[in-house]
C-alpha atoms as a PDB file:
ATOM      1  CA  UNK A   1    -106.313 -27.556  17.624  1.00  0.00           C
ATOM      2  CA  UNK A   2    -108.195 -24.363  17.012  1.00  0.00           C
ATOM      3  CA  UNK A   3    -111.688 -23.378  17.752  1.00  0.00           C
ATOM      4  CA  UNK A   4    -114.308 -25.925  17.817  1.00  0.00           C
ATOM      5  CA  UNK A   5    -118.010 -25.479  17.984  1.00  0.00           C
ATOM      6  CA  UNK A   6    -120.447 -28.218  19.269  1.00  0.00           C
ATOM      7  CA  UNK A   7    -124.215 -28.029  18.624  1.00  0.00           C
ATOM      8  CA  UNK A   8    -127.105 -29.902  20.100  1.00  0.00           C
ATOM      9  CA  UNK A   9    -129.939 -28.981  17.622  1.00  0.00           C
ATOM     10  CA  UNK A  10    -133.439 -28.290  18.760  1.00  0.00           C
ATOM     11  CA  UNK A  11    -136.139 -25.638  18.893  1.00  0.00           C
ATOM     12  CA  UNK A  12    -133.640 -23.944  21.048  1.00  0.00           C
ATOM     13  CA  UNK A  13    -130.246 -25.241  20.000  1.00  0.00           C
ATOM     14  CA  UNK A  14    -127.413 -25.521  22.452  1.00  0.00           C
ATOM     15  CA  UNK A  15    -123.893 -24.537  21.520  1.00  0.00           C
ATOM     16  CA  UNK A  16    -120.402 -24.719  23.050  1.00  0.00           C
ATOM     17  CA  UNK A  17    -117.126 -23.309  21.890  1.00  0.00           C
ATOM     18  CA  UNK A  18    -113.968 -25.061  22.776  1.00  0.00           C
ATOM     19  CA  UNK A  19    -110.397 -23.851  22.232  1.00  0.00           C
ATOM     20  CA  UNK A  20    -107.622 -26.462  22.764  1.00  0.00           C
ATOM     21  CA  UNK A  21    -110.157 -28.769  24.481  1.00  0.00           C
ATOM     22  CA  UNK A  22    -111.207 -26.025  26.999  1.00  0.00           C
ATOM     23  CA  UNK A  23    -114.665 -24.525  27.130  1.00  0.00           C
ATOM     24  CA  UNK A  24    -114.639 -20.915  26.451  1.00  0.00           C
ATOM     25  CA  UNK A  25    -118.326 -20.075  25.729  1.00  0.00           C
ATOM     26  CA  UNK A  26    -121.723 -21.734  25.642  1.00  0.00           C
ATOM     27  CA  UNK A  27    -125.367 -20.824  25.291  1.00  0.00           C
ATOM     28  CA  UNK A  28    -128.509 -21.327  23.023  1.00  0.00           C
ATOM     29  CA  UNK A  29    -129.952 -20.056  19.814  1.00  0.00           C
ATOM     30  CA  UNK A  30    -133.273 -20.440  18.148  1.00  0.00           C
ATOM     31  CA  UNK A  31    -133.770 -21.953  14.839  1.00  0.00           C
ATOM     32  CA  UNK A  32    -135.010 -18.577  13.433  1.00  0.00           C
ATOM     33  CA  UNK A  33    -132.430 -16.575  15.204  1.00  0.00           C
ATOM     34  CA  UNK A  34    -128.806 -15.746  14.818  1.00  0.00           C
ATOM     35  CA  UNK A  35    -126.336 -18.667  14.800  1.00  0.00           C
ATOM     36  CA  UNK A  36    -123.202 -18.768  16.817  1.00  0.00           C
ATOM     37  CA  UNK A  37    -120.374 -17.092  14.827  1.00  0.00           C
ATOM     38  CA  UNK A  38    -118.296 -19.111  12.485  1.00  0.00           C
ATOM     39  CA  UNK A  39    -115.357 -16.724  12.777  1.00  0.00           C
ATOM     40  CA  UNK A  40    -112.108 -18.735  13.632  1.00  0.00           C
ATOM     41  CA  UNK A  41    -114.024 -21.991  13.831  1.00  0.00           C
ATOM     42  CA  UNK A  42    -112.036 -24.827  12.414  1.00  0.00           C
ATOM     43  CA  UNK A  43    -114.323 -27.781  13.296  1.00  0.00           C
ATOM     44  CA  UNK A  44    -118.102 -28.158  13.962  1.00  0.00           C
ATOM     45  CA  UNK A  45    -119.648 -31.151  15.431  1.00  0.00           C
ATOM     46  CA  UNK A  46    -123.511 -31.293  15.199  1.00  0.00           C
ATOM     47  CA  UNK A  47    -125.539 -34.068  16.918  1.00  0.00           C
ATOM     48  CA  UNK A  48    -127.513 -35.879  14.182  1.00  0.00           C
ATOM     49  CA  UNK A  49    -131.247 -36.861  14.737  1.00  0.00           C
ATOM     50  CA  UNK A  50    -131.757 -40.387  15.440  1.00  0.00           C
ATOM     51  CA  UNK A  51    -134.916 -42.593  15.465  1.00  0.00           C
ATOM     52  CA  UNK A  52    -135.471 -44.585  18.643  1.00  0.00           C
ATOM     53  CA  UNK A  53    -138.240 -47.148  18.098  1.00  0.00           C
ATOM     54  CA  UNK A  54    -138.792 -47.638  22.004  1.00  0.00           C
ATOM     55  CA  UNK A  55    -139.121 -43.917  22.432  1.00  0.00           C
ATOM     56  CA  UNK A  56    -140.852 -42.538  19.149  1.00  0.00           C
ATOM     57  CA  UNK A  57    -140.797 -38.850  18.331  1.00  0.00           C
ATOM     58  CA  UNK A  58    -143.424 -37.479  15.912  1.00  0.00           C
ATOM     59  CA  UNK A  59    -142.049 -37.927  12.390  1.00  0.00           C
ATOM     60  CA  UNK A  60    -142.530 -34.161  11.663  1.00  0.00           C
ATOM     61  CA  UNK A  61    -140.434 -33.140  14.474  1.00  0.00           C
ATOM     62  CA  UNK A  62    -137.531 -35.328  13.174  1.00  0.00           C
ATOM     63  CA  UNK A  63    -137.898 -33.868   9.650  1.00  0.00           C
ATOM     64  CA  UNK A  64    -137.884 -30.292  11.170  1.00  0.00           C
ATOM     65  CA  UNK A  65    -134.839 -31.257  13.273  1.00  0.00           C
ATOM     66  CA  UNK A  66    -133.141 -32.753  10.116  1.00  0.00           C
ATOM     67  CA  UNK A  67    -133.804 -29.615   8.056  1.00  0.00           C
ATOM     68  CA  UNK A  68    -132.196 -27.545  10.775  1.00  0.00           C
ATOM     69  CA  UNK A  69    -129.095 -29.820  10.989  1.00  0.00           C
ATOM     70  CA  UNK A  70    -128.812 -29.504   7.095  1.00  0.00           C
ATOM     71  CA  UNK A  71    -129.021 -25.638   7.324  1.00  0.00           C
ATOM     72  CA  UNK A  72    -126.408 -25.584  10.072  1.00  0.00           C
ATOM     73  CA  UNK A  73    -124.199 -27.881   8.073  1.00  0.00           C
ATOM     74  CA  UNK A  74    -124.392 -25.689   4.944  1.00  0.00           C
ATOM     75  CA  UNK A  75    -123.852 -22.569   7.106  1.00  0.00           C
ATOM     76  CA  UNK A  76    -120.645 -23.719   8.773  1.00  0.00           C
ATOM     77  CA  UNK A  77    -119.039 -25.831   5.875  1.00  0.00           C
ATOM     78  CA  UNK A  78    -116.246 -24.063   4.283  1.00  0.00           C
ATOM     79  CA  UNK A  79    -112.706 -24.700   2.953  1.00  0.00           C
ATOM     80  CA  UNK A  80    -111.361 -23.786   6.436  1.00  0.00           C
ATOM     81  CA  UNK A  81    -114.182 -25.494   8.570  1.00  0.00           C
ATOM     82  CA  UNK A  82    -114.905 -29.129   8.672  1.00  0.00           C
ATOM     83  CA  UNK A  83    -118.474 -30.221   9.801  1.00  0.00           C
ATOM     84  CA  UNK A  84    -118.986 -33.669  11.343  1.00  0.00           C
ATOM     85  CA  UNK A  85    -122.395 -35.293  12.420  1.00  0.00           C
ATOM     86  CA  UNK A  86    -122.375 -37.489  15.411  1.00  0.00           C
ATOM     87  CA  UNK A  87    -125.392 -39.814  16.493  1.00  0.00           C
ATOM     88  CA  UNK A  88    -126.345 -39.432  20.211  1.00  0.00           C
ATOM     89  CA  UNK A  89    -125.702 -43.176  20.671  1.00  0.00           C
ATOM     90  CA  UNK A  90    -122.119 -42.709  19.524  1.00  0.00           C
ATOM     91  CA  UNK A  91    -121.290 -40.078  22.195  1.00  0.00           C
ATOM     92  CA  UNK A  92    -123.643 -40.655  25.031  1.00  0.00           C
ATOM     93  CA  UNK A  93    -125.221 -43.964  24.563  1.00  0.00           C
ATOM     94  CA  UNK A  94    -128.708 -44.310  26.288  1.00  0.00           C
ATOM     95  CA  UNK A  95    -127.797 -42.372  29.312  1.00  0.00           C
ATOM     96  CA  UNK A  96    -130.448 -40.088  30.811  1.00  0.00           C
ATOM     97  CA  UNK A  97    -129.802 -36.357  30.403  1.00  0.00           C
ATOM     98  CA  UNK A  98    -129.186 -35.866  34.123  1.00  0.00           C
ATOM     99  CA  UNK A  99    -126.572 -38.653  34.222  1.00  0.00           C
ATOM    100  CA  UNK A 100    -124.840 -37.483  31.048  1.00  0.00           C
ATOM    101  CA  UNK A 101    -124.620 -33.851  32.499  1.00  0.00           C
ATOM    102  CA  UNK A 102    -123.432 -35.054  35.903  1.00  0.00           C
ATOM    103  CA  UNK A 103    -120.622 -36.981  34.359  1.00  0.00           C
ATOM    104  CA  UNK A 104    -119.728 -34.019  32.000  1.00  0.00           C
ATOM    105  CA  UNK A 105    -119.935 -31.465  34.721  1.00  0.00           C
ATOM    106  CA  UNK A 106    -117.534 -33.394  36.950  1.00  0.00           C
ATOM    107  CA  UNK A 107    -114.872 -32.881  34.190  1.00  0.00           C
ATOM    108  CA  UNK A 108    -115.211 -29.127  34.078  1.00  0.00           C
ATOM    109  CA  UNK A 109    -112.706 -26.790  35.584  1.00  0.00           C
ATOM    110  CA  UNK A 110    -113.778 -24.212  37.998  1.00  0.00           C
ATOM    111  CA  UNK A 111    -113.514 -21.575  35.229  1.00  0.00           C
ATOM    112  CA  UNK A 112    -115.529 -23.703  32.910  1.00  0.00           C
ATOM    113  CA  UNK A 113    -118.238 -24.277  35.460  1.00  0.00           C
ATOM    114  CA  UNK A 114    -118.527 -20.516  35.976  1.00  0.00           C
ATOM    115  CA  UNK A 115    -119.050 -20.212  32.102  1.00  0.00           C
ATOM    116  CA  UNK A 116    -121.929 -22.676  32.169  1.00  0.00           C
ATOM    117  CA  UNK A 117    -123.493 -20.999  35.272  1.00  0.00           C
ATOM    118  CA  UNK A 118    -123.324 -17.512  33.814  1.00  0.00           C
ATOM    119  CA  UNK A 119    -125.374 -18.566  30.730  1.00  0.00           C
ATOM    120  CA  UNK A 120    -128.532 -18.185  32.945  1.00  0.00           C
ATOM    121  CA  UNK A 121    -130.874 -19.895  30.479  1.00  0.00           C
ATOM    122  CA  UNK A 122    -134.610 -20.873  30.878  1.00  0.00           C
ATOM    123  CA  UNK A 123    -135.074 -24.199  32.548  1.00  0.00           C
ATOM    124  CA  UNK A 124    -136.775 -25.525  29.341  1.00  0.00           C
ATOM    125  CA  UNK A 125    -133.641 -25.066  27.178  1.00  0.00           C
ATOM    126  CA  UNK A 126    -130.734 -25.473  29.559  1.00  0.00           C
ATOM    127  CA  UNK A 127    -130.450 -29.239  28.727  1.00  0.00           C
ATOM    128  CA  UNK A 128    -129.613 -28.318  25.007  1.00  0.00           C
ATOM    129  CA  UNK A 129    -126.670 -26.277  26.146  1.00  0.00           C
ATOM    130  CA  UNK A 130    -125.512 -28.801  28.589  1.00  0.00           C
ATOM    131  CA  UNK A 131    -125.493 -31.595  25.832  1.00  0.00           C
ATOM    132  CA  UNK A 132    -123.494 -29.322  23.641  1.00  0.00           C
ATOM    133  CA  UNK A 133    -120.905 -28.830  26.331  1.00  0.00           C
ATOM    134  CA  UNK A 134    -121.016 -32.556  27.177  1.00  0.00           C
ATOM    135  CA  UNK A 135    -120.520 -33.355  23.451  1.00  0.00           C
ATOM    136  CA  UNK A 136    -117.566 -31.057  23.404  1.00  0.00           C
ATOM    137  CA  UNK A 137    -116.022 -32.805  26.425  1.00  0.00           C
ATOM    138  CA  UNK A 138    -116.586 -36.218  24.821  1.00  0.00           C
ATOM    139  CA  UNK A 139    -115.123 -35.089  21.438  1.00  0.00           C
ATOM    140  CA  UNK A 140    -112.156 -33.500  23.195  1.00  0.00           C
ATOM    141  CA  UNK A 141    -111.444 -36.909  24.866  1.00  0.00           C
ATOM    142  CA  UNK A 142    -111.633 -35.528  28.397  1.00  0.00           C
END
């Protein structure tokens, strides 16, 4: 298993790199900014937007998010890199963000916890990075 990249898309998208199921880097990027590097990445998992009738999101927001997911898919797809989309329900169900993160954080090693803490992100976007890390932990069967 090589380098995997996990992305929680949004206005400030979260990303997490895992190597052999171990978190090695994480952070955020904006939709108009530089994307995380594809160098050495063999597999990318991107959370796919999902409509929740009980918690409606403005349609234009979902369209914008879907365009971003398409652009990221095109950017990372190559003969040496496979891209997969995962619905939020598939990897975290209906868990509130705080519960999802608490469960994921409990599975981090001390070194991985330090990587997350060193990211020093604005409070408004840290949840996207945490979701990317949690997605990576889930996908790595940890």
